[in-house]
Amino acid sequence: MFSTYNIYAALAYFVRLINFLILIRVLLTWVNPNPHNPIVKLIHEVTEPILGPVRNIIYNKFGYSGMIDFSPMVAIFLVNFVYSIVVSALAFIL
């Protein structure tokens, strides 16, 4: 079936892709692209389920109302943290 290495590699590539898309989204906010562009829509649709809840927690729960959006940085940290937990759990199970 699947080897342990293949599972780890697939998870690592997925996490890298998510991190890369979040960074692209941050860079896109600097240039203000056309929101109807299919690539911009795809990046927004993939990253919003991760960034939306993080942004909600930062702004509503912690009451932050500054100019800088820290949600991408926190989201990247959380994605990598969850990845490390999943890899540790898989190493324990497998």
PDB file of N, CA and C in Angstrom:
ATOM      1  N   MET A   1       0.833  -1.183   0.000  1.00  0.00           N
ATOM      2  CA  MET A   1       0.000   0.000   0.000  1.00  0.00           C
ATOM      3  C   MET A   1       0.880   1.250   0.000  1.00  0.00           C
ATOM      4  N   PHE A   2       0.752   2.129   0.960  1.00  0.00           N
ATOM      5  CA  PHE A   2       1.580   3.328   1.046  1.00  0.00           C
ATOM      6  C   PHE A   2       2.650   3.102   2.098  1.00  0.00           C
ATOM      7  N   SER A   3       3.852   3.511   1.777  1.00  0.00           N
ATOM      8  CA  SER A   3       4.903   3.412   2.778  1.00  0.00           C
ATOM      9  C   SER A   3       4.809   4.614   3.717  1.00  0.00           C
ATOM     10  N   THR A   4       5.451   4.485   4.843  1.00  0.00           N
ATOM     11  CA  THR A   4       5.443   5.564   5.827  1.00  0.00           C
ATOM     12  C   THR A   4       6.087   6.825   5.254  1.00  0.00           C
ATOM     13  N   TYR A   5       7.151   6.624   4.492  1.00  0.00           N
ATOM     14  CA  TYR A   5       7.826   7.777   3.895  1.00  0.00           C
ATOM     15  C   TYR A   5       6.906   8.523   2.937  1.00  0.00           C
ATOM     16  N   ASN A   6       6.115   7.799   2.156  1.00  0.00           N
ATOM     17  CA  ASN A   6       5.200   8.457   1.220  1.00  0.00           C
ATOM     18  C   ASN A   6       4.150   9.284   1.941  1.00  0.00           C
ATOM     19  N   ILE A   7       3.664   8.786   3.054  1.00  0.00           N
ATOM     20  CA  ILE A   7       2.673   9.527   3.831  1.00  0.00           C
ATOM     21  C   ILE A   7       3.296  10.806   4.398  1.00  0.00           C
ATOM     22  N   TYR A   8       4.506  10.689   4.963  1.00  0.00           N
ATOM     23  CA  TYR A   8       5.190  11.870   5.499  1.00  0.00           C
ATOM     24  C   TYR A   8       5.494  12.876   4.396  1.00  0.00           C
ATOM     25  N   ALA A   9       5.942  12.384   3.250  1.00  0.00           N
ATOM     26  CA  ALA A   9       6.284  13.274   2.137  1.00  0.00           C
ATOM     27  C   ALA A   9       5.041  13.996   1.619  1.00  0.00           C
ATOM     28  N   ALA A  10       3.922  13.282   1.504  1.00  0.00           N
ATOM     29  CA  ALA A  10       2.686  13.905   1.034  1.00  0.00           C
ATOM     30  C   ALA A  10       2.216  14.984   2.010  1.00  0.00           C
ATOM     31  N   LEU A  11       2.285  14.686   3.296  1.00  0.00           N
ATOM     32  CA  LEU A  11       1.904  15.693   4.294  1.00  0.00           C
ATOM     33  C   LEU A  11       2.836  16.901   4.250  1.00  0.00           C
ATOM     34  N   ALA A  12       4.126  16.661   4.084  1.00  0.00           N
ATOM     35  CA  ALA A  12       5.088  17.763   4.029  1.00  0.00           C
ATOM     36  C   ALA A  12       4.835  18.636   2.809  1.00  0.00           C
ATOM     37  N   TYR A  13       4.559  18.027   1.651  1.00  0.00           N
ATOM     38  CA  TYR A  13       4.263  18.812   0.456  1.00  0.00           C
ATOM     39  C   TYR A  13       2.975  19.611   0.617  1.00  0.00           C
ATOM     40  N   PHE A  14       1.978  19.016   1.250  1.00  0.00           N
ATOM     41  CA  PHE A  14       0.717  19.715   1.472  1.00  0.00           C
ATOM     42  C   PHE A  14       0.922  20.928   2.375  1.00  0.00           C
ATOM     43  N   VAL A  15       1.679  20.761   3.439  1.00  0.00           N
ATOM     44  CA  VAL A  15       1.942  21.867   4.367  1.00  0.00           C
ATOM     45  C   VAL A  15       2.747  22.960   3.664  1.00  0.00           C
ATOM     46  N   ARG A  16       3.738  22.569   2.868  1.00  0.00           N
ATOM     47  CA  ARG A  16       4.504  23.568   2.114  1.00  0.00           C
ATOM     48  C   ARG A  16       3.615  24.331   1.146  1.00  0.00           C
ATOM     49  N   LEU A  17       2.705  23.625   0.489  1.00  0.00           N
ATOM     50  CA  LEU A  17       1.787  24.279  -0.447  1.00  0.00           C
ATOM     51  C   LEU A  17       0.893  25.283   0.272  1.00  0.00           C
ATOM     52  N   ILE A  18       0.337  24.891   1.406  1.00  0.00           N
ATOM     53  CA  ILE A  18      -0.515  25.797   2.179  1.00  0.00           C
ATOM     54  C   ILE A  18       0.285  27.020   2.638  1.00  0.00           C
ATOM     55  N   ASN A  19       1.488  26.801   3.154  1.00  0.00           N
ATOM     56  CA  ASN A  19       2.334  27.923   3.584  1.00  0.00           C
ATOM     57  C   ASN A  19       2.653  28.847   2.412  1.00  0.00           C
ATOM     58  N   PHE A  20       2.972  28.268   1.263  1.00  0.00           N
ATOM     59  CA  PHE A  20       3.287  29.049   0.076  1.00  0.00           C
ATOM     60  C   PHE A  20       2.077  29.868  -0.375  1.00  0.00           C
ATOM     61  N   LEU A  21       0.897  29.272  -0.369  1.00  0.00           N
ATOM     62  CA  LEU A  21      -0.305  29.996  -0.787  1.00  0.00           C
ATOM     63  C   LEU A  21      -0.646  31.132   0.178  1.00  0.00           C
ATOM     64  N   ILE A  22      -0.426  30.910   1.460  1.00  0.00           N
ATOM     65  CA  ILE A  22      -0.660  31.987   2.433  1.00  0.00           C
ATOM     66  C   ILE A  22       0.317  33.138   2.186  1.00  0.00           C
ATOM     67  N   LEU A  23       1.574  32.812   1.924  1.00  0.00           N
ATOM     68  CA  LEU A  23       2.552  33.860   1.638  1.00  0.00           C
ATOM     69  C   LEU A  23       2.221  34.599   0.342  1.00  0.00           C
ATOM     70  N   ILE A  24       1.766  33.880  -0.666  1.00  0.00           N
ATOM     71  CA  ILE A  24       1.350  34.524  -1.921  1.00  0.00           C
ATOM     72  C   ILE A  24       0.184  35.469  -1.643  1.00  0.00           C
ATOM     73  N   ARG A  25      -0.739  35.032  -0.808  1.00  0.00           N
ATOM     74  CA  ARG A  25      -1.887  35.892  -0.497  1.00  0.00           C
ATOM     75  C   ARG A  25      -1.438  37.172   0.210  1.00  0.00           C
ATOM     76  N   VAL A  26      -0.472  37.061   1.091  1.00  0.00           N
ATOM     77  CA  VAL A  26       0.058  38.254   1.753  1.00  0.00           C
ATOM     78  C   VAL A  26       0.686  39.188   0.727  1.00  0.00           C
ATOM     79  N   LEU A  27       1.463  38.629  -0.183  1.00  0.00           N
ATOM     80  CA  LEU A  27       2.098  39.458  -1.212  1.00  0.00           C
ATOM     81  C   LEU A  27       1.066  40.081  -2.141  1.00  0.00           C
ATOM     82  N   LEU A  28      -0.023  39.378  -2.401  1.00  0.00           N
ATOM     83  CA  LEU A  28      -1.070  39.924  -3.269  1.00  0.00           C
ATOM     84  C   LEU A  28      -1.757  41.130  -2.636  1.00  0.00           C
ATOM     85  N   THR A  29      -1.789  41.202  -1.324  1.00  0.00           N
ATOM     86  CA  THR A  29      -2.406  42.361  -0.681  1.00  0.00           C
ATOM     87  C   THR A  29      -1.578  43.615  -0.921  1.00  0.00           C
ATOM     88  N   TRP A  30      -0.299  43.469  -1.221  1.00  0.00           N
ATOM     89  CA  TRP A  30       0.557  44.626  -1.468  1.00  0.00           C
ATOM     90  C   TRP A  30       0.319  45.225  -2.847  1.00  0.00           C
ATOM     91  N   VAL A  31      -0.097  44.397  -3.821  1.00  0.00           N
ATOM     92  CA  VAL A  31      -0.238  44.889  -5.181  1.00  0.00           C
ATOM     93  C   VAL A  31      -1.689  45.095  -5.594  1.00  0.00           C
ATOM     94  N   ASN A  32      -2.636  44.649  -4.796  1.00  0.00           N
ATOM     95  CA  ASN A  32      -4.068  44.826  -5.050  1.00  0.00           C
ATOM     96  C   ASN A  32      -4.472  44.344  -6.447  1.00  0.00           C
ATOM     97  N   PRO A  33      -4.431  43.015  -6.687  1.00  0.00           N
ATOM     98  CA  PRO A  33      -4.762  42.493  -8.011  1.00  0.00           C
ATOM     99  C   PRO A  33      -6.264  42.509  -8.263  1.00  0.00           C
ATOM    100  N   ASN A  34      -6.632  42.184  -9.483  1.00  0.00           N
ATOM    101  CA  ASN A  34      -8.043  42.086  -9.849  1.00  0.00           C
ATOM    102  C   ASN A  34      -8.676  40.922  -9.079  1.00  0.00           C
ATOM    103  N   PRO A  35      -9.707  41.159  -8.263  1.00  0.00           N
ATOM    104  CA  PRO A  35     -10.297  40.071  -7.479  1.00  0.00           C
ATOM    105  C   PRO A  35     -11.055  39.047  -8.321  1.00  0.00           C
ATOM    106  N   HIS A  36     -11.298  39.347  -9.584  1.00  0.00           N
ATOM    107  CA  HIS A  36     -12.012  38.413 -10.453  1.00  0.00           C
ATOM    108  C   HIS A  36     -11.064  37.516 -11.248  1.00  0.00           C
ATOM    109  N   ASN A  37      -9.767  37.693 -11.056  1.00  0.00           N
ATOM    110  CA  ASN A  37      -8.774  36.848 -11.697  1.00  0.00           C
ATOM    111  C   ASN A  37      -8.910  35.427 -11.139  1.00  0.00           C
ATOM    112  N   PRO A  38      -8.934  34.395 -11.992  1.00  0.00           N
ATOM    113  CA  PRO A  38      -9.122  33.023 -11.503  1.00  0.00           C
ATOM    114  C   PRO A  38      -8.035  32.558 -10.535  1.00  0.00           C
ATOM    115  N   ILE A  39      -6.799  32.988 -10.748  1.00  0.00           N
ATOM    116  CA  ILE A  39      -5.723  32.570  -9.847  1.00  0.00           C
ATOM    117  C   ILE A  39      -5.895  33.221  -8.479  1.00  0.00           C
ATOM    118  N   VAL A  40      -6.252  34.490  -8.478  1.00  0.00           N
ATOM    119  CA  VAL A  40      -6.482  35.198  -7.213  1.00  0.00           C
ATOM    120  C   VAL A  40      -7.672  34.572  -6.481  1.00  0.00           C
ATOM    121  N   LYS A  41      -8.722  34.227  -7.212  1.00  0.00           N
ATOM    122  CA  LYS A  41      -9.883  33.569  -6.595  1.00  0.00           C
ATOM    123  C   LYS A  41      -9.491  32.238  -5.987  1.00  0.00           C
ATOM    124  N   LEU A  42      -8.681  31.456  -6.708  1.00  0.00           N
ATOM    125  CA  LEU A  42      -8.253  30.148  -6.206  1.00  0.00           C
ATOM    126  C   LEU A  42      -7.447  30.289  -4.923  1.00  0.00           C
ATOM    127  N   ILE A  43      -6.500  31.216  -4.914  1.00  0.00           N
ATOM    128  CA  ILE A  43      -5.688  31.431  -3.715  1.00  0.00           C
ATOM    129  C   ILE A  43      -6.565  31.871  -2.552  1.00  0.00           C
ATOM    130  N   HIS A  44      -7.519  32.742  -2.823  1.00  0.00           N
ATOM    131  CA  HIS A  44      -8.414  33.211  -1.766  1.00  0.00           C
ATOM    132  C   HIS A  44      -9.294  32.073  -1.247  1.00  0.00           C
ATOM    133  N   GLU A  45      -9.830  31.258  -2.138  1.00  0.00           N
ATOM    134  CA  GLU A  45     -10.712  30.154  -1.722  1.00  0.00           C
ATOM    135  C   GLU A  45      -9.962  29.072  -0.952  1.00  0.00           C
ATOM    136  N   VAL A  46      -8.691  28.864  -1.260  1.00  0.00           N
ATOM    137  CA  VAL A  46      -7.922  27.833  -0.561  1.00  0.00           C
ATOM    138  C   VAL A  46      -7.466  28.323   0.809  1.00  0.00           C
ATOM    139  N   THR A  47      -7.090  29.582   0.901  1.00  0.00           N
ATOM    140  CA  THR A  47      -6.525  30.073   2.157  1.00  0.00           C
ATOM    141  C   THR A  47      -7.553  30.645   3.125  1.00  0.00           C
ATOM    142  N   GLU A  48      -8.691  31.061   2.646  1.00  0.00           N
ATOM    143  CA  GLU A  48      -9.683  31.683   3.539  1.00  0.00           C
ATOM    144  C   GLU A  48     -10.201  30.734   4.620  1.00  0.00           C
ATOM    145  N   PRO A  49     -10.419  29.440   4.351  1.00  0.00           N
ATOM    146  CA  PRO A  49     -10.849  28.560   5.457  1.00  0.00           C
ATOM    147  C   PRO A  49      -9.825  28.455   6.582  1.00  0.00           C
ATOM    148  N   ILE A  50      -8.572  28.758   6.303  1.00  0.00           N
ATOM    149  CA  ILE A  50      -7.551  28.746   7.351  1.00  0.00           C
ATOM    150  C   ILE A  50      -7.432  30.121   7.984  1.00  0.00           C
ATOM    151  N   LEU A  51      -7.381  31.158   7.160  1.00  0.00           N
ATOM    152  CA  LEU A  51      -7.160  32.509   7.674  1.00  0.00           C
ATOM    153  C   LEU A  51      -8.400  33.109   8.338  1.00  0.00           C
ATOM    154  N   GLY A  52      -9.579  32.767   7.868  1.00  0.00           N
ATOM    155  CA  GLY A  52     -10.804  33.336   8.414  1.00  0.00           C
ATOM    156  C   GLY A  52     -10.996  33.076   9.903  1.00  0.00           C
ATOM    157  N   PRO A  53     -10.954  31.812  10.340  1.00  0.00           N
ATOM    158  CA  PRO A  53     -11.106  31.555  11.774  1.00  0.00           C
ATOM    159  C   PRO A  53      -9.982  32.159  12.618  1.00  0.00           C
ATOM    160  N   VAL A  54      -8.757  32.145  12.084  1.00  0.00           N
ATOM    161  CA  VAL A  54      -7.643  32.739  12.832  1.00  0.00           C
ATOM    162  C   VAL A  54      -7.859  34.240  12.981  1.00  0.00           C
ATOM    163  N   ARG A  55      -8.286  34.887  11.905  1.00  0.00           N
ATOM    164  CA  ARG A  55      -8.562  36.328  11.948  1.00  0.00           C
ATOM    165  C   ARG A  55      -9.687  36.628  12.934  1.00  0.00           C
ATOM    166  N   ASN A  56     -10.709  35.781  12.937  1.00  0.00           N
ATOM    167  CA  ASN A  56     -11.830  35.951  13.857  1.00  0.00           C
ATOM    168  C   ASN A  56     -11.363  35.864  15.302  1.00  0.00           C
ATOM    169  N   ILE A  57     -10.517  34.912  15.603  1.00  0.00           N
ATOM    170  CA  ILE A  57     -10.015  34.760  16.977  1.00  0.00           C
ATOM    171  C   ILE A  57      -9.170  35.967  17.372  1.00  0.00           C
ATOM    172  N   ILE A  58      -8.293  36.401  16.471  1.00  0.00           N
ATOM    173  CA  ILE A  58      -7.409  37.523  16.795  1.00  0.00           C
ATOM    174  C   ILE A  58      -8.211  38.799  17.029  1.00  0.00           C
ATOM    175  N   TYR A  59      -9.159  39.082  16.153  1.00  0.00           N
ATOM    176  CA  TYR A  59      -9.883  40.354  16.247  1.00  0.00           C
ATOM    177  C   TYR A  59     -11.006  40.323  17.277  1.00  0.00           C
ATOM    178  N   ASN A  60     -11.749  39.227  17.358  1.00  0.00           N
ATOM    179  CA  ASN A  60     -12.905  39.203  18.252  1.00  0.00           C
ATOM    180  C   ASN A  60     -12.576  38.710  19.656  1.00  0.00           C
ATOM    181  N   LYS A  61     -11.782  37.685  19.779  1.00  0.00           N
ATOM    182  CA  LYS A  61     -11.487  37.128  21.107  1.00  0.00           C
ATOM    183  C   LYS A  61     -10.436  37.936  21.849  1.00  0.00           C
ATOM    184  N   PHE A  62      -9.365  38.343  21.110  1.00  0.00           N
ATOM    185  CA  PHE A  62      -8.300  39.089  21.761  1.00  0.00           C
ATOM    186  C   PHE A  62      -8.477  40.592  21.663  1.00  0.00           C
ATOM    187  N   GLY A  63      -9.411  41.044  20.858  1.00  0.00           N
ATOM    188  CA  GLY A  63      -9.718  42.457  20.768  1.00  0.00           C
ATOM    189  C   GLY A  63      -8.678  43.290  20.049  1.00  0.00           C
ATOM    190  N   TYR A  64      -7.879  42.669  19.204  1.00  0.00           N
ATOM    191  CA  TYR A  64      -6.865  43.426  18.455  1.00  0.00           C
ATOM    192  C   TYR A  64      -7.544  44.182  17.327  1.00  0.00           C
ATOM    193  N   SER A  65      -7.248  45.453  17.201  1.00  0.00           N
ATOM    194  CA  SER A  65      -7.844  46.250  16.123  1.00  0.00           C
ATOM    195  C   SER A  65      -6.801  47.129  15.450  1.00  0.00           C
ATOM    196  N   GLY A  66      -5.575  46.612  15.324  1.00  0.00           N
ATOM    197  CA  GLY A  66      -4.503  47.387  14.715  1.00  0.00           C
ATOM    198  C   GLY A  66      -4.512  47.309  13.203  1.00  0.00           C
ATOM    199  N   MET A  67      -3.554  47.985  12.609  1.00  0.00           N
ATOM    200  CA  MET A  67      -3.469  48.023  11.151  1.00  0.00           C
ATOM    201  C   MET A  67      -2.856  46.767  10.564  1.00  0.00           C
ATOM    202  N   ILE A  68      -1.993  46.090  11.287  1.00  0.00           N
ATOM    203  CA  ILE A  68      -1.280  44.926  10.757  1.00  0.00           C
ATOM    204  C   ILE A  68      -2.107  43.673  10.999  1.00  0.00           C
ATOM    205  N   ASP A  69      -2.265  42.884   9.933  1.00  0.00           N
ATOM    206  CA  ASP A  69      -3.010  41.628  10.025  1.00  0.00           C
ATOM    207  C   ASP A  69      -2.023  40.514  10.369  1.00  0.00           C
ATOM    208  N   PHE A  70      -2.112  40.016  11.591  1.00  0.00           N
ATOM    209  CA  PHE A  70      -1.213  38.960  12.045  1.00  0.00           C
ATOM    210  C   PHE A  70      -1.741  37.561  11.733  1.00  0.00           C
ATOM    211  N   SER A  71      -2.923  37.451  11.142  1.00  0.00           N
ATOM    212  CA  SER A  71      -3.510  36.135  10.912  1.00  0.00           C
ATOM    213  C   SER A  71      -2.681  35.248   9.987  1.00  0.00           C
ATOM    214  N   PRO A  72      -2.021  35.736   8.927  1.00  0.00           N
ATOM    215  CA  PRO A  72      -1.199  34.823   8.135  1.00  0.00           C
ATOM    216  C   PRO A  72      -0.032  34.226   8.920  1.00  0.00           C
ATOM    217  N   MET A  73       0.601  35.039   9.753  1.00  0.00           N
ATOM    218  CA  MET A  73       1.723  34.541  10.545  1.00  0.00           C
ATOM    219  C   MET A  73       1.254  33.491  11.548  1.00  0.00           C
ATOM    220  N   VAL A  74       0.141  33.760  12.208  1.00  0.00           N
ATOM    221  CA  VAL A  74      -0.405  32.811  13.176  1.00  0.00           C
ATOM    222  C   VAL A  74      -0.879  31.545  12.462  1.00  0.00           C
ATOM    223  N   ALA A  75      -1.484  31.696  11.288  1.00  0.00           N
ATOM    224  CA  ALA A  75      -1.976  30.544  10.539  1.00  0.00           C
ATOM    225  C   ALA A  75      -0.824  29.645  10.098  1.00  0.00           C
ATOM    226  N   ILE A  76       0.254  30.233   9.618  1.00  0.00           N
ATOM    227  CA  ILE A  76       1.421  29.426   9.227  1.00  0.00           C
ATOM    228  C   ILE A  76       1.980  28.692  10.429  1.00  0.00           C
ATOM    229  N   PHE A  77       2.068  29.376  11.570  1.00  0.00           N
ATOM    230  CA  PHE A  77       2.528  28.717  12.790  1.00  0.00           C
ATOM    231  C   PHE A  77       1.608  27.556  13.167  1.00  0.00           C
ATOM    232  N   LEU A  78       0.292  27.772  13.115  1.00  0.00           N
ATOM    233  CA  LEU A  78      -0.655  26.719  13.495  1.00  0.00           C
ATOM    234  C   LEU A  78      -0.629  25.544  12.518  1.00  0.00           C
ATOM    235  N   VAL A  79      -0.508  25.821  11.229  1.00  0.00           N
ATOM    236  CA  VAL A  79      -0.435  24.735  10.241  1.00  0.00           C
ATOM    237  C   VAL A  79       0.801  23.884  10.493  1.00  0.00           C
ATOM    238  N   ASN A  80       1.927  24.514  10.755  1.00  0.00           N
ATOM    239  CA  ASN A  80       3.150  23.760  11.035  1.00  0.00           C
ATOM    240  C   ASN A  80       3.069  23.028  12.367  1.00  0.00           C
ATOM    241  N   PHE A  81       2.413  23.615  13.342  1.00  0.00           N
ATOM    242  CA  PHE A  81       2.246  22.959  14.641  1.00  0.00           C
ATOM    243  C   PHE A  81       1.366  21.715  14.507  1.00  0.00           C
ATOM    244  N   VAL A  82       0.260  21.845  13.801  1.00  0.00           N
ATOM    245  CA  VAL A  82      -0.625  20.692  13.583  1.00  0.00           C
ATOM    246  C   VAL A  82       0.100  19.616  12.778  1.00  0.00           C
ATOM    247  N   TYR A  83       0.892  20.027  11.801  1.00  0.00           N
ATOM    248  CA  TYR A  83       1.675  19.076  11.019  1.00  0.00           C
ATOM    249  C   TYR A  83       2.622  18.282  11.914  1.00  0.00           C
ATOM    250  N   SER A  84       3.316  18.963  12.816  1.00  0.00           N
ATOM    251  CA  SER A  84       4.248  18.253  13.700  1.00  0.00           C
ATOM    252  C   SER A  84       3.516  17.288  14.632  1.00  0.00           C
ATOM    253  N   ILE A  85       2.328  17.671  15.087  1.00  0.00           N
ATOM    254  CA  ILE A  85       1.542  16.768  15.937  1.00  0.00           C
ATOM    255  C   ILE A  85       1.096  15.547  15.143  1.00  0.00           C
ATOM    256  N   VAL A  86       0.637  15.765  13.914  1.00  0.00           N
ATOM    257  CA  VAL A  86       0.188  14.650  13.077  1.00  0.00           C
ATOM    258  C   VAL A  86       1.345  13.709  12.754  1.00  0.00           C
ATOM    259  N   VAL A  87       2.495  14.260  12.433  1.00  0.00           N
ATOM    260  CA  VAL A  87       3.655  13.429  12.131  1.00  0.00           C
ATOM    261  C   VAL A  87       4.078  12.642  13.366  1.00  0.00           C
ATOM    262  N   SER A  88       4.051  13.263  14.532  1.00  0.00           N
ATOM    263  CA  SER A  88       4.390  12.552  15.767  1.00  0.00           C
ATOM    264  C   SER A  88       3.393  11.438  16.047  1.00  0.00           C
ATOM    265  N   ALA A  89       2.127  11.712  15.829  1.00  0.00           N
ATOM    266  CA  ALA A  89       1.111  10.689  16.051  1.00  0.00           C
ATOM    267  C   ALA A  89       1.266   9.531  15.061  1.00  0.00           C
ATOM    268  N   LEU A  90       1.559   9.869  13.809  1.00  0.00           N
ATOM    269  CA  LEU A  90       1.766   8.808  12.822  1.00  0.00           C
ATOM    270  C   LEU A  90       3.005   7.986  13.149  1.00  0.00           C
ATOM    271  N   ALA A  91       4.055   8.635  13.630  1.00  0.00           N
ATOM    272  CA  ALA A  91       5.257   7.903  14.003  1.00  0.00           C
ATOM    273  C   ALA A  91       4.968   6.962  15.180  1.00  0.00           C
ATOM    274  N   PHE A  92       4.120   7.392  16.078  1.00  0.00           N
ATOM    275  CA  PHE A  92       3.757   6.546  17.212  1.00  0.00           C
ATOM    276  C   PHE A  92       2.883   5.374  16.768  1.00  0.00           C
ATOM    277  N   ILE A  93       1.942   5.632  15.864  1.00  0.00           N
ATOM    278  CA  ILE A  93       1.008   4.583  15.408  1.00  0.00           C
ATOM    279  C   ILE A  93       1.708   3.610  14.464  1.00  0.00           C
ATOM    280  N   LEU A  94       2.460   4.146  13.517  1.00  0.00           N
ATOM    281  CA  LEU A  94       3.111   3.287  12.520  1.00  0.00           C
ATOM    282  C   LEU A  94       4.421   2.862  13.041  1.00  0.00           C
TER     283      LEU A  94
END
